[in-house]
């Protein structure tokens, strides 16, 4: 996935927009520091999907775990899933 990322958030009291915005800001700082770059890192918008039920969530997690391998042939090491 050279140009996008899949992430599953469980939103608490903050809105999805606030949650995604804070996450994107944090990751952009880390990535820019690592890459020796500055400025915009992410596209402004994002696409979200509401998890209808536990089965939908389970399938989404499986898709996220399997997608990098199927798209690029690269296996991710140290994939973290937090509950």
PDB file of N, CA and C in Angstrom:
ATOM      1  N   UNK A   1       0.844  -1.187   0.000  1.00  0.00           N
ATOM      2  CA  UNK A   1       0.000   0.000   0.000  1.00  0.00           C
ATOM      3  C   UNK A   1       0.886   1.246   0.000  1.00  0.00           C
ATOM      4  N   UNK A   2       1.450   1.573  -1.088  1.00  0.00           N
ATOM      5  CA  UNK A   2       2.367   2.709  -1.082  1.00  0.00           C
ATOM      6  C   UNK A   2       1.687   4.058  -0.945  1.00  0.00           C
ATOM      7  N   UNK A   3       0.386   4.137  -1.195  1.00  0.00           N
ATOM      8  CA  UNK A   3      -0.239   5.464  -1.181  1.00  0.00           C
ATOM      9  C   UNK A   3      -1.448   5.585  -0.261  1.00  0.00           C
ATOM     10  N   UNK A   4      -1.694   4.591   0.568  1.00  0.00           N
ATOM     11  CA  UNK A   4      -2.797   4.704   1.518  1.00  0.00           C
ATOM     12  C   UNK A   4      -2.610   3.710   2.661  1.00  0.00           C
ATOM     13  N   UNK A   5      -3.433   3.875   3.670  1.00  0.00           N
ATOM     14  CA  UNK A   5      -3.356   3.008   4.838  1.00  0.00           C
ATOM     15  C   UNK A   5      -4.773   2.678   5.294  1.00  0.00           C
ATOM     16  N   UNK A   6      -4.947   1.484   5.845  1.00  0.00           N
ATOM     17  CA  UNK A   6      -6.220   1.096   6.439  1.00  0.00           C
ATOM     18  C   UNK A   6      -6.045   1.058   7.948  1.00  0.00           C
ATOM     19  N   UNK A   7      -6.940   1.706   8.661  1.00  0.00           N
ATOM     20  CA  UNK A   7      -6.884   1.761  10.121  1.00  0.00           C
ATOM     21  C   UNK A   7      -8.296   1.565  10.656  1.00  0.00           C
ATOM     22  N   UNK A   8      -8.417   0.836  11.751  1.00  0.00           N
ATOM     23  CA  UNK A   8      -9.707   0.652  12.399  1.00  0.00           C
ATOM     24  C   UNK A   8      -9.666   1.363  13.747  1.00  0.00           C
ATOM     25  N   UNK A   9     -10.521   2.366  13.908  1.00  0.00           N
ATOM     26  CA  UNK A   9     -10.618   3.116  15.157  1.00  0.00           C
ATOM     27  C   UNK A   9     -11.913   2.771  15.863  1.00  0.00           C
ATOM     28  N   UNK A  10     -11.846   2.669  17.177  1.00  0.00           N
ATOM     29  CA  UNK A  10     -13.053   2.644  18.001  1.00  0.00           C
ATOM     30  C   UNK A  10     -13.117   4.011  18.655  1.00  0.00           C
ATOM     31  N   UNK A  11     -14.073   4.795  18.249  1.00  0.00           N
ATOM     32  CA  UNK A  11     -14.173   6.180  18.696  1.00  0.00           C
ATOM     33  C   UNK A  11     -14.913   6.234  20.025  1.00  0.00           C
ATOM     34  N   UNK A  12     -14.343   6.984  20.959  1.00  0.00           N
ATOM     35  CA  UNK A  12     -14.973   7.174  22.266  1.00  0.00           C
ATOM     36  C   UNK A  12     -15.756   8.464  22.288  1.00  0.00           C
ATOM     37  N   UNK A  13     -15.363   9.374  23.160  1.00  0.00           N
ATOM     38  CA  UNK A  13     -16.096  10.630  23.313  1.00  0.00           C
ATOM     39  C   UNK A  13     -15.776  11.639  22.215  1.00  0.00           C
ATOM     40  N   UNK A  14     -14.623  11.518  21.580  1.00  0.00           N
ATOM     41  CA  UNK A  14     -14.267  12.427  20.482  1.00  0.00           C
ATOM     42  C   UNK A  14     -14.968  11.972  19.205  1.00  0.00           C
ATOM     43  N   UNK A  15     -15.176  12.888  18.296  1.00  0.00           N
ATOM     44  CA  UNK A  15     -15.797  12.541  17.016  1.00  0.00           C
ATOM     45  C   UNK A  15     -14.793  11.787  16.140  1.00  0.00           C
ATOM     46  N   UNK A  16     -15.288  11.133  15.108  1.00  0.00           N
ATOM     47  CA  UNK A  16     -14.411  10.439  14.165  1.00  0.00           C
ATOM     48  C   UNK A  16     -13.438  11.434  13.538  1.00  0.00           C
ATOM     49  N   UNK A  17     -13.937  12.601  13.175  1.00  0.00           N
ATOM     50  CA  UNK A  17     -13.096  13.628  12.562  1.00  0.00           C
ATOM     51  C   UNK A  17     -11.956  14.041  13.493  1.00  0.00           C
ATOM     52  N   UNK A  18     -12.264  14.246  14.764  1.00  0.00           N
ATOM     53  CA  UNK A  18     -11.229  14.619  15.741  1.00  0.00           C
ATOM     54  C   UNK A  18     -10.225  13.486  15.938  1.00  0.00           C
ATOM     55  N   UNK A  19     -10.723  12.266  16.016  1.00  0.00           N
ATOM     56  CA  UNK A  19      -9.862  11.103  16.217  1.00  0.00           C
ATOM     57  C   UNK A  19      -8.914  10.915  15.046  1.00  0.00           C
ATOM     58  N   UNK A  20      -9.459  10.922  13.840  1.00  0.00           N
ATOM     59  CA  UNK A  20      -8.628  10.747  12.646  1.00  0.00           C
ATOM     60  C   UNK A  20      -7.646  11.903  12.501  1.00  0.00           C
ATOM     61  N   UNK A  21      -8.108  13.120  12.744  1.00  0.00           N
ATOM     62  CA  UNK A  21      -7.237  14.288  12.633  1.00  0.00           C
ATOM     63  C   UNK A  21      -6.051  14.217  13.576  1.00  0.00           C
ATOM     64  N   UNK A  22      -6.296  13.838  14.828  1.00  0.00           N
ATOM     65  CA  UNK A  22      -5.214  13.723  15.808  1.00  0.00           C
ATOM     66  C   UNK A  22      -4.241  12.618  15.415  1.00  0.00           C
ATOM     67  N   UNK A  23      -4.772  11.493  14.953  1.00  0.00           N
ATOM     68  CA  UNK A  23      -3.925  10.378  14.534  1.00  0.00           C
ATOM     69  C   UNK A  23      -3.071  10.770  13.332  1.00  0.00           C
ATOM     70  N   UNK A  24      -3.700  11.391  12.325  1.00  0.00           N
ATOM     71  CA  UNK A  24      -2.960  11.805  11.129  1.00  0.00           C
ATOM     72  C   UNK A  24      -1.859  12.806  11.476  1.00  0.00           C
ATOM     73  N   UNK A  25      -2.144  13.720  12.373  1.00  0.00           N
ATOM     74  CA  UNK A  25      -1.148  14.718  12.785  1.00  0.00           C
ATOM     75  C   UNK A  25       0.046  14.029  13.447  1.00  0.00           C
ATOM     76  N   UNK A  26      -0.236  13.112  14.352  1.00  0.00           N
ATOM     77  CA  UNK A  26       0.821  12.394  15.064  1.00  0.00           C
ATOM     78  C   UNK A  26       1.686  11.583  14.090  1.00  0.00           C
ATOM     79  N   UNK A  27       1.050  10.805  13.221  1.00  0.00           N
ATOM     80  CA  UNK A  27       1.785   9.962  12.277  1.00  0.00           C
ATOM     81  C   UNK A  27       2.561  10.814  11.279  1.00  0.00           C
ATOM     82  N   UNK A  28       1.985  11.926  10.831  1.00  0.00           N
ATOM     83  CA  UNK A  28       2.680  12.809   9.888  1.00  0.00           C
ATOM     84  C   UNK A  28       3.970  13.348  10.493  1.00  0.00           C
ATOM     85  N   UNK A  29       3.913  13.745  11.751  1.00  0.00           N
ATOM     86  CA  UNK A  29       5.133  14.239  12.419  1.00  0.00           C
ATOM     87  C   UNK A  29       6.203  13.158  12.469  1.00  0.00           C
ATOM     88  N   UNK A  30       5.814  11.956  12.869  1.00  0.00           N
ATOM     89  CA  UNK A  30       6.769  10.853  12.943  1.00  0.00           C
ATOM     90  C   UNK A  30       7.332  10.504  11.569  1.00  0.00           C
ATOM     91  N   UNK A  31       6.462  10.394  10.577  1.00  0.00           N
ATOM     92  CA  UNK A  31       6.899  10.018   9.230  1.00  0.00           C
ATOM     93  C   UNK A  31       7.794  11.083   8.620  1.00  0.00           C
ATOM     94  N   UNK A  32       7.419  12.342   8.750  1.00  0.00           N
ATOM     95  CA  UNK A  32       8.247  13.414   8.196  1.00  0.00           C
ATOM     96  C   UNK A  32       9.617  13.449   8.865  1.00  0.00           C
ATOM     97  N   UNK A  33       9.653  13.229  10.167  1.00  0.00           N
ATOM     98  CA  UNK A  33      10.939  13.192  10.874  1.00  0.00           C
ATOM     99  C   UNK A  33      11.784  12.031  10.349  1.00  0.00           C
ATOM    100  N   UNK A  34      11.179  10.867  10.209  1.00  0.00           N
ATOM    101  CA  UNK A  34      11.878   9.682   9.726  1.00  0.00           C
ATOM    102  C   UNK A  34      12.373   9.864   8.293  1.00  0.00           C
ATOM    103  N   UNK A  35      11.567  10.508   7.455  1.00  0.00           N
ATOM    104  CA  UNK A  35      11.902  10.701   6.040  1.00  0.00           C
ATOM    105  C   UNK A  35      12.711  11.964   5.781  1.00  0.00           C
ATOM    106  N   UNK A  36      12.906  12.785   6.810  1.00  0.00           N
ATOM    107  CA  UNK A  36      13.633  14.039   6.630  1.00  0.00           C
ATOM    108  C   UNK A  36      12.874  15.040   5.785  1.00  0.00           C
ATOM    109  N   UNK A  37      11.552  15.025   5.903  1.00  0.00           N
ATOM    110  CA  UNK A  37      10.702  15.922   5.117  1.00  0.00           C
ATOM    111  C   UNK A  37       9.904  16.822   6.043  1.00  0.00           C
ATOM    112  N   UNK A  38       9.210  17.775   5.440  1.00  0.00           N
ATOM    113  CA  UNK A  38       8.306  18.637   6.199  1.00  0.00           C
ATOM    114  C   UNK A  38       7.096  18.941   5.332  1.00  0.00           C
ATOM    115  N   UNK A  39       6.085  19.510   5.950  1.00  0.00           N
ATOM    116  CA  UNK A  39       4.887  19.874   5.205  1.00  0.00           C
ATOM    117  C   UNK A  39       3.842  18.778   5.227  1.00  0.00           C
ATOM    118  N   UNK A  40       2.879  18.912   4.336  1.00  0.00           N
ATOM    119  CA  UNK A  40       1.743  17.987   4.291  1.00  0.00           C
ATOM    120  C   UNK A  40       2.217  16.562   4.018  1.00  0.00           C
ATOM    121  N   UNK A  41       1.645  15.636   4.745  1.00  0.00           N
ATOM    122  CA  UNK A  41       1.974  14.221   4.566  1.00  0.00           C
ATOM    123  C   UNK A  41       0.764  13.446   4.050  1.00  0.00           C
ATOM    124  N   UNK A  42      -0.410  13.760   4.569  1.00  0.00           N
ATOM    125  CA  UNK A  42      -1.646  13.060   4.224  1.00  0.00           C
ATOM    126  C   UNK A  42      -2.507  13.902   3.289  1.00  0.00           C
ATOM    127  N   UNK A  43      -3.364  13.227   2.543  1.00  0.00           N
ATOM    128  CA  UNK A  43      -4.436  13.926   1.833  1.00  0.00           C
ATOM    129  C   UNK A  43      -5.369  14.505   2.895  1.00  0.00           C
ATOM    130  N   UNK A  44      -6.059  15.573   2.556  1.00  0.00           N
ATOM    131  CA  UNK A  44      -6.913  16.239   3.536  1.00  0.00           C
ATOM    132  C   UNK A  44      -8.091  15.373   3.982  1.00  0.00           C
ATOM    133  N   UNK A  45      -8.667  14.635   3.069  1.00  0.00           N
ATOM    134  CA  UNK A  45      -9.883  13.878   3.355  1.00  0.00           C
ATOM    135  C   UNK A  45      -9.550  12.459   3.807  1.00  0.00           C
ATOM    136  N   UNK A  46     -10.554  11.746   4.246  1.00  0.00           N
ATOM    137  CA  UNK A  46     -10.435  10.333   4.570  1.00  0.00           C
ATOM    138  C   UNK A  46     -11.774   9.669   4.269  1.00  0.00           C
ATOM    139  N   UNK A  47     -11.759   8.354   4.180  1.00  0.00           N
ATOM    140  CA  UNK A  47     -12.976   7.590   3.912  1.00  0.00           C
ATOM    141  C   UNK A  47     -13.252   6.715   5.124  1.00  0.00           C
ATOM    142  N   UNK A  48     -14.470   6.780   5.625  1.00  0.00           N
ATOM    143  CA  UNK A  48     -14.807   5.977   6.788  1.00  0.00           C
ATOM    144  C   UNK A  48     -15.981   5.057   6.490  1.00  0.00           C
ATOM    145  N   UNK A  49     -16.057   4.005   7.267  1.00  0.00           N
ATOM    146  CA  UNK A  49     -17.134   3.030   7.149  1.00  0.00           C
ATOM    147  C   UNK A  49     -17.608   2.677   8.549  1.00  0.00           C
ATOM    148  N   UNK A  50     -18.896   2.698   8.757  1.00  0.00           N
ATOM    149  CA  UNK A  50     -19.489   2.338  10.042  1.00  0.00           C
ATOM    150  C   UNK A  50     -19.519   0.813  10.171  1.00  0.00           C
ATOM    151  N   UNK A  51     -19.051   0.295  11.307  1.00  0.00           N
ATOM    152  CA  UNK A  51     -19.098  -1.142  11.557  1.00  0.00           C
ATOM    153  C   UNK A  51     -20.509  -1.503  12.015  1.00  0.00           C
ATOM    154  N   UNK A  52     -21.216  -2.244  11.176  1.00  0.00           N
ATOM    155  CA  UNK A  52     -22.622  -2.561  11.438  1.00  0.00           C
ATOM    156  C   UNK A  52     -22.816  -3.537  12.594  1.00  0.00           C
ATOM    157  N   UNK A  53     -21.882  -4.483  12.715  1.00  0.00           N
ATOM    158  CA  UNK A  53     -21.997  -5.491  13.764  1.00  0.00           C
ATOM    159  C   UNK A  53     -20.636  -6.155  13.961  1.00  0.00           C
ATOM    160  N   UNK A  54     -20.579  -7.111  14.890  1.00  0.00           N
ATOM    161  CA  UNK A  54     -19.312  -7.778  15.210  1.00  0.00           C
ATOM    162  C   UNK A  54     -18.750  -8.532  14.009  1.00  0.00           C
ATOM    163  N   UNK A  55     -19.616  -9.116  13.204  1.00  0.00           N
ATOM    164  CA  UNK A  55     -19.160  -9.854  12.017  1.00  0.00           C
ATOM    165  C   UNK A  55     -18.519  -8.909  11.005  1.00  0.00           C
ATOM    166  N   UNK A  56     -19.115  -7.763  10.781  1.00  0.00           N
ATOM    167  CA  UNK A  56     -18.547  -6.762   9.870  1.00  0.00           C
ATOM    168  C   UNK A  56     -17.180  -6.317  10.385  1.00  0.00           C
ATOM    169  N   UNK A  57     -17.076  -6.089  11.687  1.00  0.00           N
ATOM    170  CA  UNK A  57     -15.796  -5.680  12.277  1.00  0.00           C
ATOM    171  C   UNK A  57     -14.744  -6.777  12.111  1.00  0.00           C
ATOM    172  N   UNK A  58     -15.122  -8.027  12.355  1.00  0.00           N
ATOM    173  CA  UNK A  58     -14.194  -9.152  12.222  1.00  0.00           C
ATOM    174  C   UNK A  58     -13.672  -9.265  10.794  1.00  0.00           C
ATOM    175  N   UNK A  59     -14.572  -9.145   9.815  1.00  0.00           N
ATOM    176  CA  UNK A  59     -14.166  -9.216   8.407  1.00  0.00           C
ATOM    177  C   UNK A  59     -13.274  -8.037   8.025  1.00  0.00           C
ATOM    178  N   UNK A  60     -13.556  -6.879   8.587  1.00  0.00           N
ATOM    179  CA  UNK A  60     -12.741  -5.695   8.309  1.00  0.00           C
ATOM    180  C   UNK A  60     -11.336  -5.874   8.860  1.00  0.00           C
ATOM    181  N   UNK A  61     -11.229  -6.391  10.070  1.00  0.00           N
ATOM    182  CA  UNK A  61      -9.911  -6.647  10.661  1.00  0.00           C
ATOM    183  C   UNK A  61      -9.140  -7.644   9.803  1.00  0.00           C
ATOM    184  N   UNK A  62      -9.790  -8.704   9.368  1.00  0.00           N
ATOM    185  CA  UNK A  62      -9.134  -9.696   8.513  1.00  0.00           C
ATOM    186  C   UNK A  62      -8.669  -9.054   7.206  1.00  0.00           C
ATOM    187  N   UNK A  63      -9.497  -8.212   6.615  1.00  0.00           N
ATOM    188  CA  UNK A  63      -9.127  -7.520   5.380  1.00  0.00           C
ATOM    189  C   UNK A  63      -7.888  -6.646   5.600  1.00  0.00           C
ATOM    190  N   UNK A  64      -7.884  -5.880   6.688  1.00  0.00           N
ATOM    191  CA  UNK A  64      -6.745  -5.004   6.980  1.00  0.00           C
ATOM    192  C   UNK A  64      -5.477  -5.829   7.177  1.00  0.00           C
ATOM    193  N   UNK A  65      -5.584  -6.927   7.894  1.00  0.00           N
ATOM    194  CA  UNK A  65      -4.413  -7.774   8.136  1.00  0.00           C
ATOM    195  C   UNK A  65      -3.885  -8.403   6.854  1.00  0.00           C
ATOM    196  N   UNK A  66      -4.768  -8.784   5.946  1.00  0.00           N
ATOM    197  CA  UNK A  66      -4.358  -9.483   4.728  1.00  0.00           C
ATOM    198  C   UNK A  66      -4.060  -8.570   3.554  1.00  0.00           C
ATOM    199  N   UNK A  67      -4.574  -7.354   3.552  1.00  0.00           N
ATOM    200  CA  UNK A  67      -4.448  -6.475   2.395  1.00  0.00           C
ATOM    201  C   UNK A  67      -3.017  -6.142   2.003  1.00  0.00           C
ATOM    202  N   UNK A  68      -2.125  -5.776   2.929  1.00  0.00           N
ATOM    203  CA  UNK A  68      -0.765  -5.427   2.494  1.00  0.00           C
ATOM    204  C   UNK A  68      -0.075  -6.574   1.776  1.00  0.00           C
ATOM    205  N   UNK A  69      -0.286  -7.797   2.257  1.00  0.00           N
ATOM    206  CA  UNK A  69       0.338  -8.949   1.631  1.00  0.00           C
ATOM    207  C   UNK A  69      -0.226  -9.182   0.239  1.00  0.00           C
ATOM    208  N   UNK A  70      -1.532  -9.094   0.084  1.00  0.00           N
ATOM    209  CA  UNK A  70      -2.136  -9.368  -1.218  1.00  0.00           C
ATOM    210  C   UNK A  70      -1.848  -8.265  -2.223  1.00  0.00           C
ATOM    211  N   UNK A  71      -1.723  -7.033  -1.775  1.00  0.00           N
ATOM    212  CA  UNK A  71      -1.499  -5.910  -2.688  1.00  0.00           C
ATOM    213  C   UNK A  71      -0.048  -5.794  -3.131  1.00  0.00           C
ATOM    214  N   UNK A  72       0.896  -6.035  -2.227  1.00  0.00           N
ATOM    215  CA  UNK A  72       2.295  -5.745  -2.520  1.00  0.00           C
ATOM    216  C   UNK A  72       3.206  -6.951  -2.459  1.00  0.00           C
ATOM    217  N   UNK A  73       2.729  -8.042  -1.894  1.00  0.00           N
ATOM    218  CA  UNK A  73       3.596  -9.186  -1.689  1.00  0.00           C
ATOM    219  C   UNK A  73       4.525  -9.003  -0.503  1.00  0.00           C
ATOM    220  N   UNK A  74       4.353  -7.928   0.249  1.00  0.00           N
ATOM    221  CA  UNK A  74       5.192  -7.637   1.409  1.00  0.00           C
ATOM    222  C   UNK A  74       4.417  -7.994   2.666  1.00  0.00           C
ATOM    223  N   UNK A  75       5.067  -8.709   3.556  1.00  0.00           N
ATOM    224  CA  UNK A  75       4.417  -9.073   4.809  1.00  0.00           C
ATOM    225  C   UNK A  75       4.823  -8.081   5.891  1.00  0.00           C
ATOM    226  N   UNK A  76       3.854  -7.560   6.623  1.00  0.00           N
ATOM    227  CA  UNK A  76       4.153  -6.615   7.693  1.00  0.00           C
ATOM    228  C   UNK A  76       4.632  -7.354   8.927  1.00  0.00           C
ATOM    229  N   UNK A  77       5.672  -6.843   9.539  1.00  0.00           N
ATOM    230  CA  UNK A  77       6.189  -7.397  10.784  1.00  0.00           C
ATOM    231  C   UNK A  77       5.694  -6.537  11.941  1.00  0.00           C
ATOM    232  N   UNK A  78       5.313  -7.157  13.029  1.00  0.00           N
ATOM    233  CA  UNK A  78       4.941  -6.416  14.229  1.00  0.00           C
ATOM    234  C   UNK A  78       3.618  -5.684  14.123  1.00  0.00           C
ATOM    235  N   UNK A  79       2.665  -6.215  13.365  1.00  0.00           N
ATOM    236  CA  UNK A  79       1.348  -5.599  13.253  1.00  0.00           C
ATOM    237  C   UNK A  79       0.686  -5.610  14.623  1.00  0.00           C
ATOM    238  N   UNK A  80       0.272  -4.456  15.082  1.00  0.00           N
ATOM    239  CA  UNK A  80      -0.321  -4.342  16.411  1.00  0.00           C
ATOM    240  C   UNK A  80      -1.825  -4.184  16.315  1.00  0.00           C
ATOM    241  N   UNK A  81      -2.529  -4.966  17.088  1.00  0.00           N
ATOM    242  CA  UNK A  81      -3.978  -4.833  17.194  1.00  0.00           C
ATOM    243  C   UNK A  81      -4.283  -4.565  18.652  1.00  0.00           C
ATOM    244  N   UNK A  82      -4.831  -3.401  18.942  1.00  0.00           N
ATOM    245  CA  UNK A  82      -5.182  -3.041  20.311  1.00  0.00           C
ATOM    246  C   UNK A  82      -6.686  -3.056  20.466  1.00  0.00           C
ATOM    247  N   UNK A  83      -7.142  -3.552  21.594  1.00  0.00           N
ATOM    248  CA  UNK A  83      -8.579  -3.596  21.841  1.00  0.00           C
ATOM    249  C   UNK A  83      -8.949  -2.620  22.914  1.00  0.00           C
TER     250      UNK A  83
END
